[in-house]
Amino acid sequence: MRCDYPYLAFTESGVSLAPDINFLPKVPSQFHLNLEVCLPTFFPNPSSDEERRLHSLDVRRALLFYLKRSKAFRRDQQLFVSYTSPRLGSRISSQRFSKWLTETIKTCYLLAKRPLPGPVRGHSTRAMATSVAFLKGVSLADVCGAFQPVPVQPPQASFPEGATAVLPCRLEQGHIQDYHVLWFRQQPAERPAHVLKHRLDGQIERTSGFDERFAPVRDAAANSYLLHVQELRTEDSATYWCMAEIDSFSVAVSGAGTQLSVTGGESTREPAKVILLSDAAAHLSESPDLHALCLAEQFYPGFVEITWSMSGNTVVEGVTPGEVILNDDGSYSASSVLTIPRQLLGKNASLKCSVHHYSSGSKAERSLKLC
């Protein structure tokens, strides 16, 4: 979720939240990709103590209050940002958000002077929601849907232009003969697109723009779905998701996606520029944090890996990946920001960013000395 318009919009009657263009839900149908969450104001005109108490739970009111409190230190358009050093104002990880969620649940039980029902985890909210639905009379079959499959995909794959890419999607639970499979593709800086649906009866339903080069296969021996992309083109470089589905999305679970990089194409371009910038100058030394920006410009296709190291040691904490940007000439640019407390810097420390462009195989490094 983001805090800028049109992803977050306030009206007199409530608030609406739209998914980030780069977000892929577990059910990546056109409906869910464009699903906007609209929350009406809770007791907008309270006239009693009880209504005023309930109005304090209004999401619109809470979001406005949160944005006002975080405005002074916010450094990212993601809705939820860190409120403590050294990551003050930066986007939080999913693990951090899960911790906030569990701490909130524990606090609610504490304030209500009620014992915790058991260990609290990030998914406890979903567990509680399904339990309440069941207690309200929703059938167990509707609550549970059915036995859910677990699609597993390799994170990356690389094939030369003109070859046939084989992208596997293995089910760790369930059987491939029990589910339809849908394939989706997302190119950098674009929305996900539906490629095809391979039905249980063998029928293939392709979306316009995806021809017979995209061929689905079922491998019963490996309990896997396969997507063959034949006569590969450089523009086929993208992330491909599989999704096992049955009964009009009553059960629909997607894999984590495979990033396909096509190599050796004539249109492949390594980054024209790699730039490293930092606020390590002496006149900024009073700042508690050091900030560095690594920028890779004008490459094609749009997959690069930007990594950081400090005095030869890999750095992962404090790294904020930037969005991949599609340039007017069809090339891409990408960035990464490093925020690190100055107190962690040793004498004569050196900082380096490394850029690896998958399709061209090019690697570039930029370094600077931190005096």
Protein backbone atom coordinates (compact mmCIF):
# COMPACT_ATOMS: atom_id res chain seq x y z
CA MET A 1 0.00 0.00 0.00
CA ARG A 2 1.07 3.55 -0.73
CA CYS A 3 0.22 6.88 0.87
CA ASP A 4 0.06 9.00 -2.30
CA TYR A 5 -2.88 9.68 -4.59
CA PRO A 6 -4.52 7.82 -6.36
CA TYR A 7 -3.46 4.79 -4.29
CA LEU A 8 -4.85 6.41 -1.14
CA ALA A 9 -7.83 8.76 -1.48
CA PHE A 10 -9.92 10.42 1.23
CA THR A 11 -13.51 11.58 0.85
CA GLU A 12 -16.04 12.92 3.33
CA SER A 13 -17.70 9.52 3.47
CA GLY A 14 -14.61 7.29 3.80
CA VAL A 15 -11.27 6.26 2.35
CA SER A 16 -10.27 4.11 -0.63
CA LEU A 17 -7.06 2.14 -1.05
CA ALA A 18 -5.89 0.86 -4.45
CA PRO A 19 -3.09 -1.71 -4.90
CA ASP A 20 0.34 -0.60 -6.06
CA ILE A 21 0.87 -1.23 -9.78
CA ASN A 22 3.73 -3.63 -8.88
CA PHE A 23 1.65 -5.64 -6.40
CA LEU A 24 0.60 -9.16 -7.40
CA PRO A 25 -2.17 -10.65 -5.22
CA LYS A 26 -2.38 -14.38 -4.53
CA VAL A 27 -5.34 -14.49 -6.90
CA PRO A 28 -3.97 -12.49 -9.87
CA SER A 29 -7.22 -12.21 -11.85
CA GLN A 30 -8.15 -8.92 -13.53
CA PHE A 31 -10.75 -8.46 -10.78
CA HIS A 32 -8.23 -8.82 -7.95
CA LEU A 33 -5.47 -6.88 -9.75
CA ASN A 34 -7.75 -3.84 -9.89
CA LEU A 35 -9.59 -4.43 -6.62
CA GLU A 36 -10.05 -1.18 -4.71
CA VAL A 37 -10.79 -1.35 -0.99
CA CYS A 38 -13.38 1.24 0.04
CA LEU A 39 -13.95 1.74 3.76
CA PRO A 40 -16.84 4.01 4.87
CA THR A 41 -16.42 6.31 7.83
CA PHE A 42 -17.32 4.53 11.06
CA PHE A 43 -19.97 6.56 12.96
CA PRO A 44 -19.15 9.81 11.10
CA ASN A 45 -21.33 12.00 13.34
CA PRO A 46 -21.18 10.48 16.83
CA SER A 47 -23.86 11.75 19.16
CA SER A 48 -23.28 9.64 22.28
CA ASP A 49 -20.37 8.40 24.36
CA GLU A 50 -20.74 4.92 22.86
CA GLU A 51 -20.75 6.26 19.29
CA ARG A 52 -17.73 8.45 20.05
CA ARG A 53 -15.93 5.39 21.41
CA LEU A 54 -16.72 3.44 18.25
CA HIS A 55 -15.75 6.40 16.04
CA SER A 56 -12.26 6.19 17.55
CA LEU A 57 -11.93 2.90 15.59
CA ASP A 58 -12.64 4.66 12.26
CA VAL A 59 -9.98 3.69 9.70
CA ARG A 60 -10.23 7.01 7.84
CA ARG A 61 -9.60 8.93 11.06
CA ALA A 62 -6.71 6.64 12.01
CA LEU A 63 -5.01 6.95 8.60
CA LEU A 64 -5.25 10.75 8.61
CA PHE A 65 -3.77 10.82 12.11
CA TYR A 66 -0.97 8.41 11.10
CA LEU A 67 -0.04 10.40 7.97
CA LYS A 68 0.09 13.62 9.99
CA ARG A 69 2.31 12.09 12.66
CA SER A 70 4.71 10.48 10.15
CA LYS A 71 4.93 13.43 7.71
CA ALA A 72 7.91 15.08 9.40
CA PHE A 73 10.20 12.05 9.05
CA ARG A 74 8.65 10.14 6.11
CA ARG A 75 11.14 9.23 3.36
CA ASP A 76 9.09 6.75 1.35
CA GLN A 77 5.67 6.66 -0.31
CA GLN A 78 4.93 3.21 1.10
CA LEU A 79 2.09 3.64 3.58
CA PHE A 80 3.81 2.16 6.62
CA VAL A 81 7.30 3.43 7.50
CA SER A 82 9.70 2.90 10.37
CA TYR A 83 9.45 5.29 13.32
CA THR A 84 12.82 4.48 14.92
CA SER A 85 16.48 4.87 13.95
CA PRO A 86 18.43 3.86 11.96
CA ARG A 87 15.56 3.24 9.49
CA LEU A 88 13.49 6.26 10.51
CA GLY A 89 11.03 7.14 7.76
CA SER A 90 11.99 4.25 5.46
CA ARG A 91 9.62 1.53 4.28
CA ILE A 92 9.25 -1.44 6.58
CA SER A 93 9.66 -5.08 5.65
CA SER A 94 6.81 -7.61 5.69
CA GLN A 95 8.47 -9.19 8.73
CA ARG A 96 8.38 -5.86 10.58
CA PHE A 97 4.73 -5.33 9.65
CA SER A 98 3.93 -8.82 10.95
CA LYS A 99 5.61 -7.92 14.25
CA TRP A 100 3.57 -4.72 14.52
CA LEU A 101 0.42 -6.73 13.87
CA THR A 102 1.15 -9.35 16.52
CA GLU A 103 2.11 -6.69 19.09
CA THR A 104 -1.19 -4.91 18.42
CA ILE A 105 -3.16 -8.11 18.96
CA LYS A 106 -1.31 -8.80 22.21
CA THR A 107 -1.93 -5.23 23.42
CA CYS A 108 -5.65 -5.55 22.73
CA TYR A 109 -5.88 -8.68 24.87
CA LEU A 110 -3.83 -6.98 27.58
CA LEU A 111 -6.08 -3.89 27.66
CA ALA A 112 -9.17 -6.11 27.70
CA LYS A 113 -7.61 -8.06 30.60
CA ARG A 114 -8.12 -11.31 28.76
CA PRO A 115 -5.59 -14.13 28.36
CA LEU A 116 -4.12 -14.79 24.94
CA PRO A 117 -5.77 -17.81 23.27
CA GLY A 118 -2.36 -19.12 22.19
CA PRO A 119 0.75 -18.09 20.22
CA VAL A 120 0.10 -14.97 18.14
CA ARG A 121 1.42 -14.82 14.57
CA GLY A 122 0.91 -12.52 11.61
CA HIS A 123 -1.70 -14.85 10.13
CA SER A 124 -3.64 -14.86 13.42
CA THR A 125 -5.90 -12.15 11.98
CA ARG A 126 -6.85 -14.44 9.11
CA ALA A 127 -7.35 -17.33 11.53
CA MET A 128 -9.58 -15.18 13.74
CA ALA A 129 -11.59 -13.98 10.73
CA THR A 130 -12.29 -17.52 9.55
CA SER A 131 -13.16 -18.63 13.10
CA VAL A 132 -15.65 -15.78 13.52
CA ALA A 133 -17.15 -16.57 10.09
CA PHE A 134 -17.66 -20.19 11.14
CA LEU A 135 -19.21 -19.19 14.47
CA LYS A 136 -21.57 -16.85 12.59
CA GLY A 137 -22.95 -19.80 10.63
CA VAL A 138 -20.79 -19.85 7.49
CA SER A 139 -20.32 -23.46 6.42
CA LEU A 140 -16.95 -25.10 7.03
CA ALA A 141 -16.72 -25.91 3.31
CA ASP A 142 -17.11 -22.23 2.40
CA VAL A 143 -14.61 -21.16 5.06
CA CYS A 144 -11.93 -23.64 4.10
CA GLY A 145 -12.74 -23.70 0.38
CA ALA A 146 -10.88 -26.93 -0.31
CA PHE A 147 -7.49 -28.49 0.19
CA GLN A 148 -5.15 -25.79 -1.06
CA PRO A 149 -2.25 -26.61 -3.37
CA VAL A 150 1.20 -25.10 -2.84
CA PRO A 151 2.79 -24.08 -6.16
CA VAL A 152 6.60 -23.85 -6.06
CA GLN A 153 8.57 -22.00 -8.76
CA PRO A 154 12.31 -21.40 -9.14
CA PRO A 155 13.11 -17.71 -8.56
CA GLN A 156 15.18 -17.22 -11.73
CA ALA A 157 15.76 -18.76 -15.14
CA SER A 158 17.97 -17.78 -18.09
CA PHE A 159 17.78 -18.93 -21.72
CA PRO A 160 19.36 -17.66 -24.97
CA GLU A 161 17.31 -15.88 -27.60
CA GLY A 162 15.74 -18.31 -30.07
CA ALA A 163 15.71 -21.23 -27.63
CA THR A 164 12.72 -22.69 -25.77
CA ALA A 165 12.35 -21.69 -22.14
CA VAL A 166 10.81 -24.31 -19.85
CA LEU A 167 9.35 -22.77 -16.69
CA PRO A 168 8.25 -25.34 -14.07
CA CYS A 169 5.56 -24.96 -11.44
CA ARG A 170 5.52 -27.93 -9.05
CA LEU A 171 2.72 -28.63 -6.58
CA GLU A 172 4.01 -29.59 -3.13
CA GLN A 173 0.46 -30.28 -1.99
CA GLY A 174 -2.45 -31.39 -4.12
CA HIS A 175 -2.37 -33.04 -7.54
CA ILE A 176 -2.09 -31.23 -10.86
CA GLN A 177 -4.96 -33.26 -12.33
CA ASP A 178 -7.32 -31.64 -9.80
CA TYR A 179 -6.71 -28.01 -10.81
CA HIS A 180 -6.79 -25.73 -13.79
CA VAL A 181 -3.57 -23.74 -14.17
CA LEU A 182 -3.32 -20.09 -15.15
CA TRP A 183 -0.12 -18.34 -16.23
CA PHE A 184 0.58 -14.63 -15.84
CA ARG A 185 3.43 -12.44 -17.06
CA GLN A 186 4.70 -9.15 -15.65
CA GLN A 187 7.32 -7.13 -17.48
CA PRO A 188 9.24 -4.53 -15.44
CA ALA A 189 7.33 -1.31 -14.74
CA GLU A 190 4.10 -2.81 -16.16
CA ARG A 191 1.00 -4.43 -14.73
CA PRO A 192 0.69 -8.23 -14.72
CA ALA A 193 -0.98 -9.72 -17.80
CA HIS A 194 -2.91 -12.97 -18.11
CA VAL A 195 -1.18 -15.30 -20.60
CA LEU A 196 -3.38 -18.38 -20.72
CA LYS A 197 -5.50 -20.89 -18.84
CA HIS A 198 -4.88 -24.64 -19.21
CA ARG A 199 -8.12 -26.32 -18.21
CA LEU A 200 -8.53 -29.76 -16.66
CA ASP A 201 -10.00 -31.06 -19.92
CA GLY A 202 -6.87 -29.98 -21.80
CA GLN A 203 -8.45 -26.94 -23.42
CA ILE A 204 -6.16 -23.91 -23.69
CA GLU A 205 -7.63 -20.42 -23.39
CA ARG A 206 -5.09 -17.82 -24.54
CA THR A 207 -5.34 -14.09 -23.98
CA SER A 208 -5.07 -11.88 -27.05
CA GLY A 209 -1.41 -11.09 -27.73
CA PHE A 210 -0.10 -14.47 -26.61
CA ASP A 211 0.13 -16.95 -29.49
CA GLU A 212 1.07 -20.62 -29.69
CA ARG A 213 4.68 -19.84 -28.75
CA PHE A 214 3.32 -20.02 -25.20
CA ALA A 215 2.50 -23.71 -24.68
CA PRO A 216 1.36 -25.23 -21.35
CA VAL A 217 2.27 -28.82 -20.46
CA ARG A 218 1.27 -31.08 -17.55
CA ASP A 219 4.00 -33.36 -16.19
CA ALA A 220 2.14 -35.93 -14.08
CA ALA A 221 5.31 -37.79 -13.05
CA ALA A 222 6.78 -34.62 -11.49
CA ASN A 223 3.35 -33.29 -10.38
CA SER A 224 4.26 -30.09 -12.20
CA TYR A 225 2.83 -27.61 -14.64
CA LEU A 226 5.24 -26.40 -17.32
CA LEU A 227 5.11 -23.31 -19.49
CA HIS A 228 7.12 -23.58 -22.71
CA VAL A 229 8.01 -20.25 -24.32
CA GLN A 230 9.26 -21.13 -27.79
CA GLU A 231 11.49 -19.13 -30.16
CA LEU A 232 12.44 -16.80 -27.32
CA ARG A 233 12.66 -13.09 -27.94
CA THR A 234 14.43 -10.56 -25.76
CA GLU A 235 11.09 -8.93 -24.95
CA ASP A 236 9.93 -12.21 -23.38
CA SER A 237 12.10 -11.32 -20.38
CA ALA A 238 9.61 -10.98 -17.54
CA THR A 239 8.38 -12.59 -14.34
CA TYR A 240 6.02 -15.52 -14.94
CA TRP A 241 3.54 -16.70 -12.31
CA CYS A 242 1.54 -19.92 -12.23
CA MET A 243 -1.72 -20.29 -10.34
CA ALA A 244 -3.63 -23.47 -9.49
CA GLU A 245 -7.36 -22.79 -9.58
CA ILE A 246 -10.68 -24.60 -9.32
CA ASP A 247 -14.40 -23.74 -9.18
CA SER A 248 -14.19 -20.13 -10.40
CA PHE A 249 -11.49 -19.08 -7.93
CA SER A 250 -13.06 -20.73 -4.85
CA VAL A 251 -9.52 -22.12 -4.55
CA ALA A 252 -6.75 -20.19 -6.28
CA VAL A 253 -3.14 -20.13 -5.11
CA SER A 254 -0.21 -18.69 -7.05
CA GLY A 255 3.49 -19.43 -6.94
CA ALA A 256 6.16 -16.85 -6.11
CA GLY A 257 7.05 -16.33 -9.78
CA THR A 258 10.08 -17.05 -11.97
CA GLN A 259 12.14 -14.18 -13.36
CA LEU A 260 13.06 -15.11 -16.95
CA SER A 261 16.03 -13.38 -18.54
CA VAL A 262 16.59 -13.86 -22.27
CA THR A 263 20.27 -13.54 -23.24
CA GLY A 264 22.18 -12.89 -26.45
CA GLY A 265 19.59 -10.79 -28.27
CA GLU A 266 20.57 -7.96 -30.60
CA SER A 267 18.32 -5.53 -28.73
CA THR A 268 19.99 -6.30 -25.38
CA ARG A 269 21.67 -3.23 -23.88
CA GLU A 270 23.90 -3.17 -20.84
CA PRO A 271 23.54 -0.14 -18.55
CA ALA A 272 24.83 2.98 -20.30
CA LYS A 273 25.64 4.60 -16.95
CA VAL A 274 26.16 3.45 -13.39
CA ILE A 275 26.34 6.30 -10.89
CA LEU A 276 27.11 6.24 -7.15
CA LEU A 277 26.19 9.30 -5.08
CA SER A 278 26.52 9.90 -1.34
CA ASP A 279 26.04 12.59 1.30
CA ALA A 280 29.31 11.62 2.97
CA ALA A 281 30.69 15.16 2.54
CA ALA A 282 32.16 16.75 5.66
CA HIS A 283 29.57 19.53 5.88
CA LEU A 284 26.83 16.91 6.31
CA SER A 285 28.68 14.97 8.99
CA GLU A 286 26.21 16.05 11.70
CA SER A 287 23.54 13.85 10.10
CA PRO A 288 23.24 10.57 12.07
CA ASP A 289 22.88 8.53 8.87
CA LEU A 290 24.84 8.20 5.68
CA HIS A 291 22.78 7.92 2.50
CA ALA A 292 24.01 6.54 -0.80
CA LEU A 293 22.28 6.18 -4.15
CA CYS A 294 23.31 3.69 -6.83
CA LEU A 295 21.69 4.38 -10.19
CA ALA A 296 21.80 2.19 -13.33
CA GLU A 297 20.50 3.85 -16.49
CA GLN A 298 19.34 2.87 -19.98
CA PHE A 299 19.51 -0.92 -20.02
CA TYR A 300 17.34 -3.52 -21.74
CA PRO A 301 15.59 -5.76 -20.85
CA GLY A 302 14.63 -4.56 -17.41
CA PHE A 303 16.23 -6.92 -14.89
CA VAL A 304 19.29 -5.86 -12.90
CA GLU A 305 20.61 -6.78 -9.47
CA ILE A 306 22.08 -3.95 -7.39
CA THR A 307 24.06 -5.01 -4.32
CA TRP A 308 26.07 -3.11 -1.68
CA SER A 309 29.25 -3.79 0.24
CA MET A 310 31.15 -1.87 2.91
CA SER A 311 34.90 -2.42 3.17
CA GLY A 312 34.50 -5.76 1.42
CA ASN A 313 31.53 -6.97 3.52
CA THR A 314 28.10 -7.43 1.95
CA VAL A 315 25.46 -5.03 3.28
CA VAL A 316 21.75 -5.98 3.27
CA GLU A 317 20.34 -3.95 6.18
CA GLY A 318 19.22 -0.45 5.27
CA VAL A 319 18.86 -1.19 1.55
CA THR A 320 15.76 0.20 -0.17
CA PRO A 321 15.33 -0.95 -3.78
CA GLY A 322 13.88 1.68 -6.10
CA GLU A 323 11.23 1.01 -8.69
CA VAL A 324 12.29 0.01 -12.19
CA ILE A 325 11.49 2.91 -14.52
CA LEU A 326 10.55 2.55 -18.20
CA ASN A 327 12.25 5.31 -20.19
CA ASP A 328 10.81 7.03 -23.26
CA ASP A 329 13.21 5.15 -25.56
CA GLY A 330 12.04 1.75 -24.28
CA SER A 331 15.07 1.19 -22.05
CA TYR A 332 14.93 0.90 -18.27
CA SER A 333 16.54 2.56 -15.27
CA ALA A 334 16.73 1.30 -11.70
CA SER A 335 18.12 2.50 -8.41
CA SER A 336 18.91 1.38 -4.89
CA VAL A 337 19.32 3.52 -1.75
CA LEU A 338 21.51 2.59 1.20
CA THR A 339 20.93 4.16 4.62
CA ILE A 340 23.46 3.30 7.30
CA PRO A 341 24.27 4.90 10.68
CA ARG A 342 27.51 6.87 10.54
CA GLN A 343 28.47 5.41 13.90
CA LEU A 344 28.92 2.04 12.17
CA LEU A 345 31.49 3.42 9.73
CA GLY A 346 35.07 2.50 10.44
CA LYS A 347 38.09 4.64 9.70
CA ASN A 348 38.84 4.85 5.97
CA ALA A 349 35.79 2.73 5.19
CA SER A 350 34.97 2.16 1.53
CA LEU A 351 31.52 1.82 -0.01
CA LYS A 352 30.78 -0.07 -3.23
CA CYS A 353 27.67 -0.75 -5.28
CA SER A 354 27.64 -3.55 -7.86
CA VAL A 355 25.24 -3.77 -10.79
CA HIS A 356 24.61 -7.05 -12.63
CA HIS A 357 22.50 -6.92 -15.80
CA TYR A 358 21.21 -10.43 -16.32
CA SER A 359 20.53 -10.50 -20.07
CA SER A 360 23.80 -8.91 -21.21
CA GLY A 361 25.85 -10.54 -18.45
CA SER A 362 27.53 -7.19 -17.79
CA LYS A 363 28.77 -6.26 -14.32
CA ALA A 364 29.74 -2.80 -13.17
CA GLU A 365 31.03 -1.48 -9.86
CA ARG A 366 31.31 1.99 -8.40
CA SER A 367 33.22 2.78 -5.21
CA LEU A 368 34.00 5.71 -2.95
CA LYS A 369 36.13 6.26 0.14
CA LEU A 370 34.37 7.45 3.28
CA CYS A 371 36.81 9.65 5.14
